[in-house]
Every structure is written in C-alpha cells, then in structure tokens.
C-alpha cells in the first residue's frame, strides 16, 4: 500500500492551510516525469499483490 501521491500534513500544516487563502502552501509528492511516476505506481501495485498473494497462501496452508 502506498500513499505517495497524497499530502500528509502535520498539525502545523493544517493550521497554516487555514491562513493560506491562495493555496500556495499545498505541497504534494511529485515525480520528475510521467514514466518515473508510472514506474513507482506499478512497483507499489506489484508489492501489494505480492503481499495479498502471500497472505492468501498462508491462509490456505493454515486451513488445509
């Protein structure tokens, strides 16, 4: 699971966003180009699938 593309503000950032009327304070994680963003997303998807498959296999082995 990844939350790379989402901002993770702190309490201070939350307070600052109330004062930021022109939304210049919002900062998100960015990639240098689309290819590297796609690569990161695909890797995250593959790792999540690997984890889900591993958990399913463990559950099947424990039931059998």
PDB file of N, CA and C in Angstrom:
ATOM      1  N   UNK A   1       0.843  -1.181   0.000  1.00  0.00           N
ATOM      2  CA  UNK A   1       0.000   0.000   0.000  1.00  0.00           C
ATOM      3  C   UNK A   1       0.884   1.238   0.000  1.00  0.00           C
ATOM      4  N   UNK A   2       0.462   2.195  -0.726  1.00  0.00           N
ATOM      5  CA  UNK A   2       1.229   3.429  -0.776  1.00  0.00           C
ATOM      6  C   UNK A   2       0.306   4.630  -0.730  1.00  0.00           C
ATOM      7  N   UNK A   3       0.801   5.655  -0.162  1.00  0.00           N
ATOM      8  CA  UNK A   3       0.075   6.919  -0.155  1.00  0.00           C
ATOM      9  C   UNK A   3       1.009   8.023  -0.637  1.00  0.00           C
ATOM     10  N   UNK A   4       1.879   7.655  -1.546  1.00  0.00           N
ATOM     11  CA  UNK A   4       2.904   8.580  -2.018  1.00  0.00           C
ATOM     12  C   UNK A   4       2.314   9.825  -2.663  1.00  0.00           C
ATOM     13  N   UNK A   5       1.213   9.676  -3.380  1.00  0.00           N
ATOM     14  CA  UNK A   5       0.665  10.809  -4.115  1.00  0.00           C
ATOM     15  C   UNK A   5      -0.193  11.729  -3.253  1.00  0.00           C
ATOM     16  N   UNK A   6      -0.419  11.355  -2.007  1.00  0.00           N
ATOM     17  CA  UNK A   6      -1.245  12.164  -1.132  1.00  0.00           C
ATOM     18  C   UNK A   6      -0.379  12.978  -0.189  1.00  0.00           C
ATOM     19  N   UNK A   7      -0.838  14.178   0.105  1.00  0.00           N
ATOM     20  CA  UNK A   7      -0.136  15.012   1.072  1.00  0.00           C
ATOM     21  C   UNK A   7      -0.406  14.469   2.473  1.00  0.00           C
ATOM     22  N   UNK A   8       0.593  14.507   3.316  1.00  0.00           N
ATOM     23  CA  UNK A   8       0.452  14.082   4.707  1.00  0.00           C
ATOM     24  C   UNK A   8       0.782  15.270   5.603  1.00  0.00           C
ATOM     25  N   UNK A   9      -0.179  16.159   5.784  1.00  0.00           N
ATOM     26  CA  UNK A   9       0.111  17.372   6.546  1.00  0.00           C
ATOM     27  C   UNK A   9       0.203  17.107   8.049  1.00  0.00           C
ATOM     28  N   UNK A  10       0.936  17.948   8.707  1.00  0.00           N
ATOM     29  CA  UNK A  10       1.031  17.889  10.160  1.00  0.00           C
ATOM     30  C   UNK A  10      -0.003  18.844  10.750  1.00  0.00           C
ATOM     31  N   UNK A  11      -0.061  18.898  12.059  1.00  0.00           N
ATOM     32  CA  UNK A  11      -0.973  19.823  12.730  1.00  0.00           C
ATOM     33  C   UNK A  11      -0.640  21.260  12.325  1.00  0.00           C
ATOM     34  N   UNK A  12       0.642  21.568  12.304  1.00  0.00           N
ATOM     35  CA  UNK A  12       1.068  22.926  11.937  1.00  0.00           C
ATOM     36  C   UNK A  12       0.645  23.241  10.502  1.00  0.00           C
ATOM     37  N   UNK A  13       0.804  22.266   9.601  1.00  0.00           N
ATOM     38  CA  UNK A  13       0.403  22.471   8.212  1.00  0.00           C
ATOM     39  C   UNK A  13      -1.109  22.662   8.114  1.00  0.00           C
ATOM     40  N   UNK A  14      -1.860  21.957   8.932  1.00  0.00           N
ATOM     41  CA  UNK A  14      -3.309  22.130   8.950  1.00  0.00           C
ATOM     42  C   UNK A  14      -3.702  23.524   9.389  1.00  0.00           C
ATOM     43  N   UNK A  15      -3.036  24.020  10.408  1.00  0.00           N
ATOM     44  CA  UNK A  15      -3.302  25.379  10.877  1.00  0.00           C
ATOM     45  C   UNK A  15      -2.896  26.388   9.812  1.00  0.00           C
ATOM     46  N   UNK A  16      -1.744  26.173   9.191  1.00  0.00           N
ATOM     47  CA  UNK A  16      -1.272  27.086   8.157  1.00  0.00           C
ATOM     48  C   UNK A  16      -2.211  27.100   6.955  1.00  0.00           C
ATOM     49  N   UNK A  17      -2.850  25.951   6.650  1.00  0.00           N
ATOM     50  CA  UNK A  17      -3.745  25.902   5.499  1.00  0.00           C
ATOM     51  C   UNK A  17      -4.995  26.749   5.724  1.00  0.00           C
ATOM     52  N   UNK A  18      -5.358  26.976   6.983  1.00  0.00           N
ATOM     53  CA  UNK A  18      -6.492  27.856   7.263  1.00  0.00           C
ATOM     54  C   UNK A  18      -6.164  29.303   6.918  1.00  0.00           C
ATOM     55  N   UNK A  19      -4.922  29.657   7.036  1.00  0.00           N
ATOM     56  CA  UNK A  19      -4.483  31.026   6.760  1.00  0.00           C
ATOM     57  C   UNK A  19      -4.138  31.200   5.286  1.00  0.00           C
ATOM     58  N   UNK A  20      -3.802  30.122   4.610  1.00  0.00           N
ATOM     59  CA  UNK A  20      -3.356  30.145   3.207  1.00  0.00           C
ATOM     60  C   UNK A  20      -4.549  30.307   2.263  1.00  0.00           C
ATOM     61  N   UNK A  21      -4.919  31.529   1.974  1.00  0.00           N
ATOM     62  CA  UNK A  21      -6.111  31.803   1.171  1.00  0.00           C
ATOM     63  C   UNK A  21      -5.924  31.489  -0.309  1.00  0.00           C
ATOM     64  N   UNK A  22      -4.691  31.507  -0.805  1.00  0.00           N
ATOM     65  CA  UNK A  22      -4.446  31.317  -2.231  1.00  0.00           C
ATOM     66  C   UNK A  22      -3.873  29.930  -2.546  1.00  0.00           C
ATOM     67  N   UNK A  23      -3.885  29.037  -1.576  1.00  0.00           N
ATOM     68  CA  UNK A  23      -3.458  27.636  -1.741  1.00  0.00           C
ATOM     69  C   UNK A  23      -2.049  27.510  -2.316  1.00  0.00           C
ATOM     70  N   UNK A  24      -1.150  28.314  -1.830  1.00  0.00           N
ATOM     71  CA  UNK A  24       0.237  28.212  -2.277  1.00  0.00           C
ATOM     72  C   UNK A  24       1.049  27.304  -1.356  1.00  0.00           C
ATOM     73  N   UNK A  25       0.497  26.957  -0.206  1.00  0.00           N
ATOM     74  CA  UNK A  25       1.228  26.146   0.760  1.00  0.00           C
ATOM     75  C   UNK A  25       1.099  24.648   0.495  1.00  0.00           C
ATOM     76  N   UNK A  26       0.059  24.232  -0.238  1.00  0.00           N
ATOM     77  CA  UNK A  26      -0.147  22.804  -0.501  1.00  0.00           C
ATOM     78  C   UNK A  26       1.046  22.223  -1.245  1.00  0.00           C
ATOM     79  N   UNK A  27       1.634  21.165  -0.691  1.00  0.00           N
ATOM     80  CA  UNK A  27       2.766  20.512  -1.328  1.00  0.00           C
ATOM     81  C   UNK A  27       2.465  19.021  -1.435  1.00  0.00           C
ATOM     82  N   UNK A  28       2.592  18.503  -2.626  1.00  0.00           N
ATOM     83  CA  UNK A  28       2.361  17.093  -2.878  1.00  0.00           C
ATOM     84  C   UNK A  28       3.651  16.464  -3.379  1.00  0.00           C
ATOM     85  N   UNK A  29       3.741  15.160  -3.225  1.00  0.00           N
ATOM     86  CA  UNK A  29       4.896  14.445  -3.746  1.00  0.00           C
ATOM     87  C   UNK A  29       4.802  14.427  -5.254  1.00  0.00           C
ATOM     88  N   UNK A  30       5.883  14.735  -5.903  1.00  0.00           N
ATOM     89  CA  UNK A  30       5.898  14.785  -7.358  1.00  0.00           C
ATOM     90  C   UNK A  30       7.020  13.915  -7.899  1.00  0.00           C
ATOM     91  N   UNK A  31       6.865  13.508  -9.133  1.00  0.00           N
ATOM     92  CA  UNK A  31       7.903  12.754  -9.830  1.00  0.00           C
ATOM     93  C   UNK A  31       8.472  13.642 -10.921  1.00  0.00           C
ATOM     94  N   UNK A  32       9.693  13.306 -11.358  1.00  0.00           N
ATOM     95  CA  UNK A  32      10.340  14.152 -12.369  1.00  0.00           C
ATOM     96  C   UNK A  32       9.662  14.047 -13.726  1.00  0.00           C
ATOM     97  N   UNK A  33       9.020  12.898 -14.022  1.00  0.00           N
ATOM     98  CA  UNK A  33       8.288  12.752 -15.277  1.00  0.00           C
ATOM     99  C   UNK A  33       7.242  11.656 -15.121  1.00  0.00           C
ATOM    100  N   UNK A  34       6.420  11.487 -16.152  1.00  0.00           N
ATOM    101  CA  UNK A  34       5.336  10.510 -16.091  1.00  0.00           C
ATOM    102  C   UNK A  34       5.853   9.085 -15.996  1.00  0.00           C
ATOM    103  N   UNK A  35       6.949   8.803 -16.669  1.00  0.00           N
ATOM    104  CA  UNK A  35       7.488   7.436 -16.665  1.00  0.00           C
ATOM    105  C   UNK A  35       7.918   7.015 -15.273  1.00  0.00           C
ATOM    106  N   UNK A  36       8.579   7.899 -14.541  1.00  0.00           N
ATOM    107  CA  UNK A  36       9.005   7.527 -13.190  1.00  0.00           C
ATOM    108  C   UNK A  36       7.807   7.431 -12.244  1.00  0.00           C
ATOM    109  N   UNK A  37       6.781   8.244 -12.453  1.00  0.00           N
ATOM    110  CA  UNK A  37       5.561   8.140 -11.642  1.00  0.00           C
ATOM    111  C   UNK A  37       4.863   6.812 -11.911  1.00  0.00           C
ATOM    112  N   UNK A  38       4.789   6.424 -13.195  1.00  0.00           N
ATOM    113  CA  UNK A  38       4.181   5.138 -13.547  1.00  0.00           C
ATOM    114  C   UNK A  38       4.976   3.978 -12.969  1.00  0.00           C
ATOM    115  N   UNK A  39       6.302   4.079 -13.038  1.00  0.00           N
ATOM    116  CA  UNK A  39       7.158   3.016 -12.508  1.00  0.00           C
ATOM    117  C   UNK A  39       6.933   2.853 -11.008  1.00  0.00           C
ATOM    118  N   UNK A  40       6.851   3.968 -10.293  1.00  0.00           N
ATOM    119  CA  UNK A  40       6.622   3.922  -8.850  1.00  0.00           C
ATOM    120  C   UNK A  40       5.254   3.313  -8.531  1.00  0.00           C
ATOM    121  N   UNK A  41       4.237   3.705  -9.301  1.00  0.00           N
ATOM    122  CA  UNK A  41       2.893   3.183  -9.079  1.00  0.00           C
ATOM    123  C   UNK A  41       2.818   1.689  -9.381  1.00  0.00           C
ATOM    124  N   UNK A  42       3.454   1.270 -10.462  1.00  0.00           N
ATOM    125  CA  UNK A  42       3.443  -0.157 -10.808  1.00  0.00           C
ATOM    126  C   UNK A  42       4.182  -0.987  -9.768  1.00  0.00           C
ATOM    127  N   UNK A  43       5.296  -0.474  -9.274  1.00  0.00           N
ATOM    128  CA  UNK A  43       6.034  -1.180  -8.237  1.00  0.00           C
ATOM    129  C   UNK A  43       5.188  -1.317  -6.970  1.00  0.00           C
ATOM    130  N   UNK A  44       4.501  -0.254  -6.600  1.00  0.00           N
ATOM    131  CA  UNK A  44       3.626  -0.309  -5.423  1.00  0.00           C
ATOM    132  C   UNK A  44       2.511  -1.330  -5.628  1.00  0.00           C
ATOM    133  N   UNK A  45       1.928  -1.376  -6.838  1.00  0.00           N
ATOM    134  CA  UNK A  45       0.885  -2.349  -7.139  1.00  0.00           C
ATOM    135  C   UNK A  45       1.415  -3.772  -7.055  1.00  0.00           C
ATOM    136  N   UNK A  46       2.595  -4.012  -7.602  1.00  0.00           N
ATOM    137  CA  UNK A  46       3.180  -5.350  -7.587  1.00  0.00           C
ATOM    138  C   UNK A  46       3.474  -5.789  -6.156  1.00  0.00           C
ATOM    139  N   UNK A  47       4.009  -4.886  -5.339  1.00  0.00           N
ATOM    140  CA  UNK A  47       4.301  -5.233  -3.951  1.00  0.00           C
ATOM    141  C   UNK A  47       3.028  -5.517  -3.162  1.00  0.00           C
ATOM    142  N   UNK A  48       1.961  -4.789  -3.461  1.00  0.00           N
ATOM    143  CA  UNK A  48       0.681  -5.039  -2.790  1.00  0.00           C
ATOM    144  C   UNK A  48       0.116  -6.388  -3.210  1.00  0.00           C
ATOM    145  N   UNK A  49       0.194  -6.698  -4.506  1.00  0.00           N
ATOM    146  CA  UNK A  49      -0.262  -8.009  -4.978  1.00  0.00           C
ATOM    147  C   UNK A  49       0.554  -9.133  -4.349  1.00  0.00           C
ATOM    148  N   UNK A  50       1.851  -8.943  -4.242  1.00  0.00           N
ATOM    149  CA  UNK A  50       2.719  -9.945  -3.620  1.00  0.00           C
ATOM    150  C   UNK A  50       2.308 -10.181  -2.170  1.00  0.00           C
ATOM    151  N   UNK A  51       2.040  -9.113  -1.454  1.00  0.00           N
ATOM    152  CA  UNK A  51       1.625  -9.231  -0.057  1.00  0.00           C
ATOM    153  C   UNK A  51       0.272  -9.939   0.053  1.00  0.00           C
ATOM    154  N   UNK A  52      -0.689  -9.568  -0.796  1.00  0.00           N
ATOM    155  CA  UNK A  52      -2.007 -10.207  -0.779  1.00  0.00           C
ATOM    156  C   UNK A  52      -1.911 -11.691  -1.117  1.00  0.00           C
ATOM    157  N   UNK A  53      -1.102 -12.020  -2.113  1.00  0.00           N
ATOM    158  CA  UNK A  53      -0.939 -13.416  -2.514  1.00  0.00           C
ATOM    159  C   UNK A  53      -0.277 -14.226  -1.399  1.00  0.00           C
ATOM    160  N   UNK A  54       0.714 -13.644  -0.757  1.00  0.00           N
ATOM    161  CA  UNK A  54       1.390 -14.315   0.347  1.00  0.00           C
ATOM    162  C   UNK A  54       0.422 -14.577   1.500  1.00  0.00           C
ATOM    163  N   UNK A  55      -0.390 -13.581   1.829  1.00  0.00           N
ATOM    164  CA  UNK A  55      -1.373 -13.759   2.906  1.00  0.00           C
ATOM    165  C   UNK A  55      -2.400 -14.814   2.538  1.00  0.00           C
ATOM    166  N   UNK A  56      -2.847 -14.857   1.288  1.00  0.00           N
ATOM    167  CA  UNK A  56      -3.808 -15.866   0.849  1.00  0.00           C
ATOM    168  C   UNK A  56      -3.205 -17.258   0.926  1.00  0.00           C
ATOM    169  N   UNK A  57      -1.948 -17.387   0.517  1.00  0.00           N
ATOM    170  CA  UNK A  57      -1.278 -18.696   0.582  1.00  0.00           C
ATOM    171  C   UNK A  57      -1.142 -19.173   2.030  1.00  0.00           C
ATOM    172  N   UNK A  58      -0.771 -18.285   2.919  1.00  0.00           N
ATOM    173  CA  UNK A  58      -0.661 -18.642   4.329  1.00  0.00           C
ATOM    174  C   UNK A  58      -1.994 -19.083   4.904  1.00  0.00           C
ATOM    175  N   UNK A  59      -3.075 -18.401   4.494  1.00  0.00           N
ATOM    176  CA  UNK A  59      -4.392 -18.755   4.980  1.00  0.00           C
ATOM    177  C   UNK A  59      -4.813 -20.129   4.460  1.00  0.00           C
ATOM    178  N   UNK A  60      -4.526 -20.414   3.197  1.00  0.00           N
ATOM    179  CA  UNK A  60      -4.868 -21.717   2.629  1.00  0.00           C
ATOM    180  C   UNK A  60      -4.083 -22.824   3.307  1.00  0.00           C
ATOM    181  N   UNK A  61      -2.799 -22.578   3.565  1.00  0.00           N
ATOM    182  CA  UNK A  61      -1.955 -23.587   4.213  1.00  0.00           C
ATOM    183  C   UNK A  61      -2.430 -23.851   5.641  1.00  0.00           C
ATOM    184  N   UNK A  62      -2.828 -22.817   6.340  1.00  0.00           N
ATOM    185  CA  UNK A  62      -3.307 -22.981   7.720  1.00  0.00           C
ATOM    186  C   UNK A  62      -4.647 -23.682   7.785  1.00  0.00           C
ATOM    187  N   UNK A  63      -5.506 -23.541   6.764  1.00  0.00           N
ATOM    188  CA  UNK A  63      -6.810 -24.180   6.750  1.00  0.00           C
ATOM    189  C   UNK A  63      -6.673 -25.647   6.368  1.00  0.00           C
ATOM    190  N   UNK A  64      -5.777 -25.955   5.453  1.00  0.00           N
ATOM    191  CA  UNK A  64      -5.622 -27.319   4.954  1.00  0.00           C
ATOM    192  C   UNK A  64      -4.975 -28.232   5.942  1.00  0.00           C
TER     193      UNK A  64
END
